[in-house]
Amino acid sequence: MATKRDYYEVLGVDRDASAADVKKAFRRLARELHPDVNPGDPEAAERFRETSEAYEALSNPETRARYDRFGHAGMAGTQFHPEQFMDFSNLSDLLGAFFGDDLFGTSRRPARGGDAAASVDLTLVEAAFGVTREVDVEIISACDRCDGSGAEPGTTPQTCPSCGGTGHVQHVSNTAFGQFVQTAACAACRGRGVRIDTPCTACRGRGRRRSQESVEVQIPAGIMSGQRLRLAGRGHAGEAGSARGDLYVNVSVAPDDRFEREGNDVVSVLDVPFTRAAIGTTVTIDTLDGRQELEVRPGTQPGEVLVLRGKGIPVLGGRGRGDHRVVMNVLVPRKLSDEQRALLDRFESTVDDATYAADDGFFHRLRTAFR
């Protein structure tokens, strides 16, 4: 079986090409390769089918993201329908390649609602384990007074006499491929198909108005500051009852004085007096899961790292957790009493080469802590 070509290579665009560039590239190739332009040419038909599949994958943000991450393996189970591109009546993008975007009714559909944005502030622990939050967002929603019809309660919208309620008007145009019907939005009703004789006093006949909504947002475990969540269909209401836009929630995670996040790991610093580091001790430290006892082994060195496996950040959308790395900050006294100095002098007189055994070195330990 022949190896599939990269979809970006098929369309001749870079991997960071915008949606508009992808569409433009497809239109250019469609004009060259469509079977109606190349009758009886099986090679052109196959290339057109390949181009159509590539466009179908890359024009959808979800399938494009999956392809970018996993390649053709990520498309397994995805049903492509390149045959739809063979029929002029089924694809506005292909029609636009020849005649523009308002052929065969591409402009008659009421506009989808716009996307809305909100933000949420989290602590590191909330970001680590996930949380449910209510966010307030100002959106354009269907008018509750007229139920989105635009007509004052007690009255009804009337069918537009100019378009007969279809929302569009048609014009016949002659092209090199024959006679086609070109469709445009009705100017009299602005594509709605109805006429509002008595506009709603709340929304002034628009059928939509601004409102404040409280939206429940499920924050997934492991999310990072700067990422955003998409809530499909929770954005602004569309025209004439069409689909709502999406709501994008930007996530901001506040710094935590106890921890520093490094990917899915967390790093903290433990201050240990030099005497305790030398003879060993047991301390209680903060972790994401709460307070936990930690054993400091005798002879612990400055910068040494103790690792708590599986006590870090959960993997976003996956399994397992990172680690919690505890960096030992051995405290050396700055001020000594005469008695303390005498005791240290006495200790110093008893040391030999074995007392200070060689180790990996401070910088090696520091690099290990922040690998």
Foldseek 3Di string as FASTA:
>chain_A
DDDQDFLCVLLVHDLPDDLVSLLVSLLVLLVVQQCVVVPPDVVSVVSLLSNLQSSVQCNDVVSSVQCVVPNVVSCVPPDDDSVLLNDPQRDQSNVCSPPRNQFNHNALDFDAADEFEAEDEAAPLCQQAWDKDKTKTKAKEFDPQVRLQQEHPVDHWAFDPVPRQQQWDWDWDADPSGIGIGIHGDPVVRNLRTHHPHGHPVVNSQRIDIDMDIDMDINHHNDDAQDKDKAAQPHYGTGNRDTYGIYIYHYHYDDDPAWDDDRQEIEGEDEAEQVCLQCWDWDWGQASVGIDIDTRHHNHDQLAKDKAQQRTGADGVDGTTGIYIYGYHHDDDPDDDPVRVVVVVVVVVPDDQVSDDDDPDNVVSNVVRND
